[in-house]
Amino acid sequence: QTDYNNDGNTDIFVLRGAWLGKGYGNQP
């Protein structure tokens, strides 16, 4: 969680692609 825009609402950061290595892990 974060509040990247300082509006008092809790935002979310989703992290992807771990462990998938060459090709398959290139996810946003």
PDB file of all heavy atoms in Angstrom:
ATOM      1  N   GLN A   1       0.827  -1.191   0.000  1.00  0.00           N
ATOM      2  CA  GLN A   1       0.000   0.000   0.000  1.00  0.00           C
ATOM      3  C   GLN A   1       0.869   1.252   0.000  1.00  0.00           C
ATOM      4  O   GLN A   1       2.015   1.236   0.449  1.00  0.00           O
ATOM      5  CB  GLN A   1      -0.979   0.010   1.177  1.00  0.00           C
ATOM      6  CG  GLN A   1      -0.388   0.360   2.540  1.00  0.00           C
ATOM      7  CD  GLN A   1       0.136  -0.829   3.294  1.00  0.00           C
ATOM      8  OE1 GLN A   1       0.979  -1.558   2.774  1.00  0.00           O
ATOM      9  NE2 GLN A   1      -0.337  -1.026   4.523  1.00  0.00           N
ATOM     10  N   THR A   2       0.289   2.335  -0.509  1.00  0.00           N
ATOM     11  CA  THR A   2       0.980   3.615  -0.563  1.00  0.00           C
ATOM     12  C   THR A   2      -0.088   4.702  -0.668  1.00  0.00           C
ATOM     13  O   THR A   2      -1.280   4.396  -0.750  1.00  0.00           O
ATOM     14  CB  THR A   2       1.943   3.674  -1.769  1.00  0.00           C
ATOM     15  OG1 THR A   2       2.656   4.906  -1.773  1.00  0.00           O
ATOM     16  CG2 THR A   2       1.204   3.536  -3.092  1.00  0.00           C
ATOM     17  N   ASP A   3       0.326   5.956  -0.640  1.00  0.00           N
ATOM     18  CA  ASP A   3      -0.546   7.071  -0.997  1.00  0.00           C
ATOM     19  C   ASP A   3       0.296   7.979  -1.872  1.00  0.00           C
ATOM     20  O   ASP A   3       0.824   8.999  -1.421  1.00  0.00           O
ATOM     21  CB  ASP A   3      -1.067   7.789   0.249  1.00  0.00           C
ATOM     22  CG  ASP A   3      -2.080   8.894  -0.088  1.00  0.00           C
ATOM     23  OD1 ASP A   3      -2.350   9.102  -1.291  1.00  0.00           O
ATOM     24  OD2 ASP A   3      -2.581   9.552   0.843  1.00  0.00           O
ATOM     25  N   TYR A   4       0.420   7.579  -3.133  1.00  0.00           N
ATOM     26  CA  TYR A   4       1.380   8.235  -4.024  1.00  0.00           C
ATOM     27  C   TYR A   4       0.960   9.657  -4.384  1.00  0.00           C
ATOM     28  O   TYR A   4       1.797  10.497  -4.729  1.00  0.00           O
ATOM     29  CB  TYR A   4       1.568   7.400  -5.297  1.00  0.00           C
ATOM     30  CG  TYR A   4       0.443   7.545  -6.298  1.00  0.00           C
ATOM     31  CD1 TYR A   4       0.537   8.428  -7.374  1.00  0.00           C
ATOM     32  CD2 TYR A   4      -0.737   6.819  -6.165  1.00  0.00           C
ATOM     33  CE1 TYR A   4      -0.498   8.573  -8.285  1.00  0.00           C
ATOM     34  CE2 TYR A   4      -1.771   6.948  -7.063  1.00  0.00           C
ATOM     35  CZ  TYR A   4      -1.648   7.824  -8.124  1.00  0.00           C
ATOM     36  OH  TYR A   4      -2.686   7.964  -9.023  1.00  0.00           O
ATOM     37  N   ASN A   5      -0.364   9.959  -4.316  1.00  0.00           N
ATOM     38  CA  ASN A   5      -0.838  11.276  -4.734  1.00  0.00           C
ATOM     39  C   ASN A   5      -1.310  12.143  -3.575  1.00  0.00           C
ATOM     40  O   ASN A   5      -1.933  13.191  -3.782  1.00  0.00           O
ATOM     41  CB  ASN A   5      -1.953  11.130  -5.768  1.00  0.00           C
ATOM     42  CG  ASN A   5      -3.112  10.271  -5.261  1.00  0.00           C
ATOM     43  OD1 ASN A   5      -3.070   9.765  -4.137  1.00  0.00           O
ATOM     44  ND2 ASN A   5      -4.122  10.094  -6.091  1.00  0.00           N
ATOM     45  N   ASN A   6      -1.031  11.706  -2.338  1.00  0.00           N
ATOM     46  CA  ASN A   6      -1.318  12.516  -1.144  1.00  0.00           C
ATOM     47  C   ASN A   6      -2.784  12.948  -1.048  1.00  0.00           C
ATOM     48  O   ASN A   6      -3.088  14.065  -0.610  1.00  0.00           O
ATOM     49  CB  ASN A   6      -0.424  13.767  -1.114  1.00  0.00           C
ATOM     50  CG  ASN A   6       0.932  13.489  -0.487  1.00  0.00           C
ATOM     51  OD1 ASN A   6       1.125  12.473   0.180  1.00  0.00           O
ATOM     52  ND2 ASN A   6       1.890  14.378  -0.714  1.00  0.00           N
ATOM     53  N   ASP A   7      -3.707  12.045  -1.429  1.00  0.00           N
ATOM     54  CA  ASP A   7      -5.119  12.408  -1.337  1.00  0.00           C
ATOM     55  C   ASP A   7      -5.817  11.767  -0.141  1.00  0.00           C
ATOM     56  O   ASP A   7      -7.024  11.911   0.045  1.00  0.00           O
ATOM     57  CB  ASP A   7      -5.859  12.048  -2.630  1.00  0.00           C
ATOM     58  CG  ASP A   7      -5.957  10.546  -2.871  1.00  0.00           C
ATOM     59  OD1 ASP A   7      -5.315   9.771  -2.118  1.00  0.00           O
ATOM     60  OD2 ASP A   7      -6.663  10.142  -3.817  1.00  0.00           O
ATOM     61  N   GLY A   8      -5.050  11.031   0.682  1.00  0.00           N
ATOM     62  CA  GLY A   8      -5.618  10.411   1.868  1.00  0.00           C
ATOM     63  C   GLY A   8      -6.290   9.084   1.627  1.00  0.00           C
ATOM     64  O   GLY A   8      -6.820   8.476   2.564  1.00  0.00           O
ATOM     65  N   ASN A   9      -6.271   8.593   0.380  1.00  0.00           N
ATOM     66  CA  ASN A   9      -6.824   7.281   0.053  1.00  0.00           C
ATOM     67  C   ASN A   9      -5.690   6.301  -0.190  1.00  0.00           C
ATOM     68  O   ASN A   9      -4.715   6.628  -0.881  1.00  0.00           O
ATOM     69  CB  ASN A   9      -7.713   7.365  -1.195  1.00  0.00           C
ATOM     70  CG  ASN A   9      -8.916   8.250  -0.981  1.00  0.00           C
ATOM     71  OD1 ASN A   9      -9.598   8.147   0.036  1.00  0.00           O
ATOM     72  ND2 ASN A   9      -9.178   9.147  -1.931  1.00  0.00           N
ATOM     73  N   THR A  10      -5.816   5.110   0.361  1.00  0.00           N
ATOM     74  CA  THR A  10      -4.732   4.131   0.309  1.00  0.00           C
ATOM     75  C   THR A  10      -4.700   3.439  -1.047  1.00  0.00           C
ATOM     76  O   THR A  10      -5.638   2.728  -1.422  1.00  0.00           O
ATOM     77  CB  THR A  10      -4.897   3.094   1.430  1.00  0.00           C
ATOM     78  OG1 THR A  10      -4.939   3.772   2.688  1.00  0.00           O
ATOM     79  CG2 THR A  10      -3.748   2.105   1.426  1.00  0.00           C
ATOM     80  N   ASP A  11      -3.611   3.648  -1.787  1.00  0.00           N
ATOM     81  CA  ASP A  11      -3.425   3.071  -3.113  1.00  0.00           C
ATOM     82  C   ASP A  11      -2.684   1.735  -3.005  1.00  0.00           C
ATOM     83  O   ASP A  11      -2.214   1.354  -1.928  1.00  0.00           O
ATOM     84  CB  ASP A  11      -2.653   4.045  -3.999  1.00  0.00           C
ATOM     85  CG  ASP A  11      -3.228   5.456  -3.949  1.00  0.00           C
ATOM     86  OD1 ASP A  11      -4.414   5.610  -4.265  1.00  0.00           O
ATOM     87  OD2 ASP A  11      -2.482   6.394  -3.578  1.00  0.00           O
ATOM     88  N   ILE A  12      -2.544   1.039  -4.143  1.00  0.00           N
ATOM     89  CA  ILE A  12      -1.933  -0.293  -4.158  1.00  0.00           C
ATOM     90  C   ILE A  12      -0.863  -0.360  -5.241  1.00  0.00           C
ATOM     91  O   ILE A  12      -1.061   0.142  -6.361  1.00  0.00           O
ATOM     92  CB  ILE A  12      -2.989  -1.383  -4.420  1.00  0.00           C
ATOM     93  CG1 ILE A  12      -4.081  -1.347  -3.346  1.00  0.00           C
ATOM     94  CG2 ILE A  12      -2.352  -2.772  -4.468  1.00  0.00           C
ATOM     95  CD1 ILE A  12      -5.255  -2.276  -3.644  1.00  0.00           C
ATOM     96  N   PHE A  13       0.248  -0.996  -4.927  1.00  0.00           N
ATOM     97  CA  PHE A  13       1.296  -1.275  -5.909  1.00  0.00           C
ATOM     98  C   PHE A  13       1.420  -2.787  -6.032  1.00  0.00           C
ATOM     99  O   PHE A  13       1.642  -3.479  -5.034  1.00  0.00           O
ATOM    100  CB  PHE A  13       2.619  -0.657  -5.456  1.00  0.00           C
ATOM    101  CG  PHE A  13       3.672  -0.577  -6.532  1.00  0.00           C
ATOM    102  CD1 PHE A  13       3.376  -0.113  -7.802  1.00  0.00           C
ATOM    103  CD2 PHE A  13       4.981  -0.959  -6.270  1.00  0.00           C
ATOM    104  CE1 PHE A  13       4.345  -0.026  -8.794  1.00  0.00           C
ATOM    105  CE2 PHE A  13       5.965  -0.876  -7.238  1.00  0.00           C
ATOM    106  CZ  PHE A  13       5.648  -0.408  -8.509  1.00  0.00           C
ATOM    107  N   VAL A  14       1.240  -3.308  -7.253  1.00  0.00           N
ATOM    108  CA  VAL A  14       1.265  -4.744  -7.528  1.00  0.00           C
ATOM    109  C   VAL A  14       2.570  -5.085  -8.247  1.00  0.00           C
ATOM    110  O   VAL A  14       2.902  -4.469  -9.265  1.00  0.00           O
ATOM    111  CB  VAL A  14       0.074  -5.167  -8.406  1.00  0.00           C
ATOM    112  CG1 VAL A  14       0.055  -6.678  -8.604  1.00  0.00           C
ATOM    113  CG2 VAL A  14      -1.240  -4.697  -7.799  1.00  0.00           C
ATOM    114  N   LEU A  15       3.290  -6.066  -7.724  1.00  0.00           N
ATOM    115  CA  LEU A  15       4.609  -6.433  -8.265  1.00  0.00           C
ATOM    116  C   LEU A  15       4.521  -7.803  -8.930  1.00  0.00           C
ATOM    117  O   LEU A  15       4.053  -8.768  -8.336  1.00  0.00           O
ATOM    118  CB  LEU A  15       5.638  -6.432  -7.138  1.00  0.00           C
ATOM    119  CG  LEU A  15       5.825  -5.043  -6.519  1.00  0.00           C
ATOM    120  CD1 LEU A  15       6.113  -5.141  -5.043  1.00  0.00           C
ATOM    121  CD2 LEU A  15       6.932  -4.288  -7.234  1.00  0.00           C
ATOM    122  N   ARG A  16       5.015  -7.889 -10.166  1.00  0.00           N
ATOM    123  CA  ARG A  16       4.821  -9.103 -10.965  1.00  0.00           C
ATOM    124  C   ARG A  16       6.117  -9.598 -11.623  1.00  0.00           C
ATOM    125  O   ARG A  16       7.074  -8.859 -11.773  1.00  0.00           O
ATOM    126  CB  ARG A  16       3.809  -8.844 -12.088  1.00  0.00           C
ATOM    127  CG  ARG A  16       2.433  -8.412 -11.652  1.00  0.00           C
ATOM    128  CD  ARG A  16       1.475  -8.392 -12.839  1.00  0.00           C
ATOM    129  NE  ARG A  16       0.142  -7.952 -12.455  1.00  0.00           N
ATOM    130  CZ  ARG A  16      -0.294  -6.701 -12.563  1.00  0.00           C
ATOM    131  NH1 ARG A  16       0.518  -5.771 -13.047  1.00  0.00           N
ATOM    132  NH2 ARG A  16      -1.515  -6.384 -12.198  1.00  0.00           N
ATOM    133  N   GLY A  17       6.051 -10.880 -12.049  1.00  0.00           N
ATOM    134  CA  GLY A  17       7.073 -11.459 -12.921  1.00  0.00           C
ATOM    135  C   GLY A  17       8.183 -12.201 -12.219  1.00  0.00           C
ATOM    136  O   GLY A  17       9.029 -12.815 -12.872  1.00  0.00           O
ATOM    137  N   ALA A  18       8.205 -12.176 -10.871  1.00  0.00           N
ATOM    138  CA  ALA A  18       9.307 -12.799 -10.137  1.00  0.00           C
ATOM    139  C   ALA A  18       9.406 -14.291 -10.426  1.00  0.00           C
ATOM    140  O   ALA A  18       8.404 -14.966 -10.653  1.00  0.00           O
ATOM    141  CB  ALA A  18       9.120 -12.571  -8.645  1.00  0.00           C
ATOM    142  N   TRP A  19      10.636 -14.788 -10.413  1.00  0.00           N
ATOM    143  CA  TRP A  19      10.986 -16.198 -10.568  1.00  0.00           C
ATOM    144  C   TRP A  19      10.792 -16.737 -11.984  1.00  0.00           C
ATOM    145  O   TRP A  19      11.212 -17.867 -12.267  1.00  0.00           O
ATOM    146  CB  TRP A  19      10.190 -17.096  -9.613  1.00  0.00           C
ATOM    147  CG  TRP A  19      10.484 -16.939  -8.167  1.00  0.00           C
ATOM    148  CD1 TRP A  19       9.629 -16.509  -7.197  1.00  0.00           C
ATOM    149  CD2 TRP A  19      11.730 -17.205  -7.496  1.00  0.00           C
ATOM    150  NE1 TRP A  19      10.244 -16.499  -5.971  1.00  0.00           N
ATOM    151  CE2 TRP A  19      11.530 -16.927  -6.123  1.00  0.00           C
ATOM    152  CE3 TRP A  19      12.977 -17.661  -7.923  1.00  0.00           C
ATOM    153  CZ2 TRP A  19      12.550 -17.081  -5.175  1.00  0.00           C
ATOM    154  CZ3 TRP A  19      13.991 -17.811  -6.981  1.00  0.00           C
ATOM    155  CH2 TRP A  19      13.770 -17.525  -5.631  1.00  0.00           C
ATOM    156  N   LEU A  20      10.184 -15.980 -12.882  1.00  0.00           N
ATOM    157  CA  LEU A  20       9.836 -16.534 -14.190  1.00  0.00           C
ATOM    158  C   LEU A  20      10.947 -16.433 -15.212  1.00  0.00           C
ATOM    159  O   LEU A  20      10.829 -16.979 -16.308  1.00  0.00           O
ATOM    160  CB  LEU A  20       8.566 -15.851 -14.716  1.00  0.00           C
ATOM    161  CG  LEU A  20       7.300 -16.209 -13.940  1.00  0.00           C
ATOM    162  CD1 LEU A  20       6.141 -15.338 -14.383  1.00  0.00           C
ATOM    163  CD2 LEU A  20       6.966 -17.677 -14.098  1.00  0.00           C
ATOM    164  N   GLY A  21      12.013 -15.719 -14.873  1.00  0.00           N
ATOM    165  CA  GLY A  21      13.210 -15.753 -15.697  1.00  0.00           C
ATOM    166  C   GLY A  21      13.045 -15.115 -17.064  1.00  0.00           C
ATOM    167  O   GLY A  21      12.153 -14.311 -17.325  1.00  0.00           O
ATOM    168  N   LYS A  22      13.906 -15.517 -17.962  1.00  0.00           N
ATOM    169  CA  LYS A  22      13.996 -14.916 -19.289  1.00  0.00           C
ATOM    170  C   LYS A  22      12.682 -15.072 -20.050  1.00  0.00           C
ATOM    171  O   LYS A  22      12.142 -16.151 -20.173  1.00  0.00           O
ATOM    172  CB  LYS A  22      15.130 -15.561 -20.076  1.00  0.00           C
ATOM    173  CG  LYS A  22      15.400 -14.907 -21.425  1.00  0.00           C
ATOM    174  CD  LYS A  22      16.595 -15.541 -22.097  1.00  0.00           C
ATOM    175  CE  LYS A  22      16.883 -14.862 -23.434  1.00  0.00           C
ATOM    176  NZ  LYS A  22      18.055 -15.452 -24.107  1.00  0.00           N
ATOM    177  N   GLY A  23      12.183 -13.978 -20.541  1.00  0.00           N
ATOM    178  CA  GLY A  23      10.975 -14.011 -21.361  1.00  0.00           C
ATOM    179  C   GLY A  23       9.707 -13.927 -20.566  1.00  0.00           C
ATOM    180  O   GLY A  23       8.956 -12.958 -20.665  1.00  0.00           O
ATOM    181  N   TYR A  24       9.433 -14.926 -19.724  1.00  0.00           N
ATOM    182  CA  TYR A  24       8.138 -15.011 -19.054  1.00  0.00           C
ATOM    183  C   TYR A  24       7.995 -14.030 -17.897  1.00  0.00           C
ATOM    184  O   TYR A  24       6.887 -13.711 -17.480  1.00  0.00           O
ATOM    185  CB  TYR A  24       7.910 -16.440 -18.561  1.00  0.00           C
ATOM    186  CG  TYR A  24       7.996 -17.452 -19.682  1.00  0.00           C
ATOM    187  CD1 TYR A  24       9.086 -18.321 -19.777  1.00  0.00           C
ATOM    188  CD2 TYR A  24       7.019 -17.507 -20.665  1.00  0.00           C
ATOM    189  CE1 TYR A  24       9.177 -19.226 -20.819  1.00  0.00           C
ATOM    190  CE2 TYR A  24       7.105 -18.415 -21.701  1.00  0.00           C
ATOM    191  CZ  TYR A  24       8.197 -19.269 -21.782  1.00  0.00           C
ATOM    192  OH  TYR A  24       8.289 -20.164 -22.816  1.00  0.00           O
ATOM    193  N   GLY A  25       9.098 -13.557 -17.360  1.00  0.00           N
ATOM    194  CA  GLY A  25       9.035 -12.640 -16.224  1.00  0.00           C
ATOM    195  C   GLY A  25       8.949 -11.180 -16.600  1.00  0.00           C
ATOM    196  O   GLY A  25       8.838 -10.323 -15.728  1.00  0.00           O
ATOM    197  N   ASN A  26       8.989 -10.879 -17.873  1.00  0.00           N
ATOM    198  CA  ASN A  26       8.935  -9.481 -18.300  1.00  0.00           C
ATOM    199  C   ASN A  26       7.495  -8.980 -18.266  1.00  0.00           C
ATOM    200  O   ASN A  26       6.846  -8.779 -19.295  1.00  0.00           O
ATOM    201  CB  ASN A  26       9.528  -9.343 -19.699  1.00  0.00           C
ATOM    202  CG  ASN A  26      11.014  -9.622 -19.679  1.00  0.00           C
ATOM    203  OD1 ASN A  26      11.764  -8.965 -18.969  1.00  0.00           O
ATOM    204  ND2 ASN A  26      11.433 -10.615 -20.429  1.00  0.00           N
ATOM    205  N   GLN A  27       7.010  -8.790 -17.055  1.00  0.00           N
ATOM    206  CA  GLN A  27       5.639  -8.370 -16.828  1.00  0.00           C
ATOM    207  C   GLN A  27       5.641  -6.997 -16.158  1.00  0.00           C
ATOM    208  O   GLN A  27       6.536  -6.679 -15.381  1.00  0.00           O
ATOM    209  CB  GLN A  27       4.915  -9.374 -15.929  1.00  0.00           C
ATOM    210  CG  GLN A  27       4.874 -10.784 -16.490  1.00  0.00           C
ATOM    211  CD  GLN A  27       4.213 -11.765 -15.533  1.00  0.00           C
ATOM    212  OE1 GLN A  27       3.613 -11.381 -14.533  1.00  0.00           O
ATOM    213  NE2 GLN A  27       4.345 -13.049 -15.836  1.00  0.00           N
ATOM    214  N   PRO A  28       4.635  -6.184 -16.435  1.00  0.00           N
ATOM    215  CA  PRO A  28       4.575  -4.872 -15.786  1.00  0.00           C
ATOM    216  C   PRO A  28       4.092  -4.996 -14.352  1.00  0.00           C
ATOM    217  O   PRO A  28       3.332  -5.892 -14.008  1.00  0.00           O
ATOM    218  CB  PRO A  28       3.547  -4.120 -16.633  1.00  0.00           C
ATOM    219  CG  PRO A  28       2.618  -5.205 -17.107  1.00  0.00           C
ATOM    220  CD  PRO A  28       3.505  -6.420 -17.342  1.00  0.00           C
TER     221      PRO A  28
END
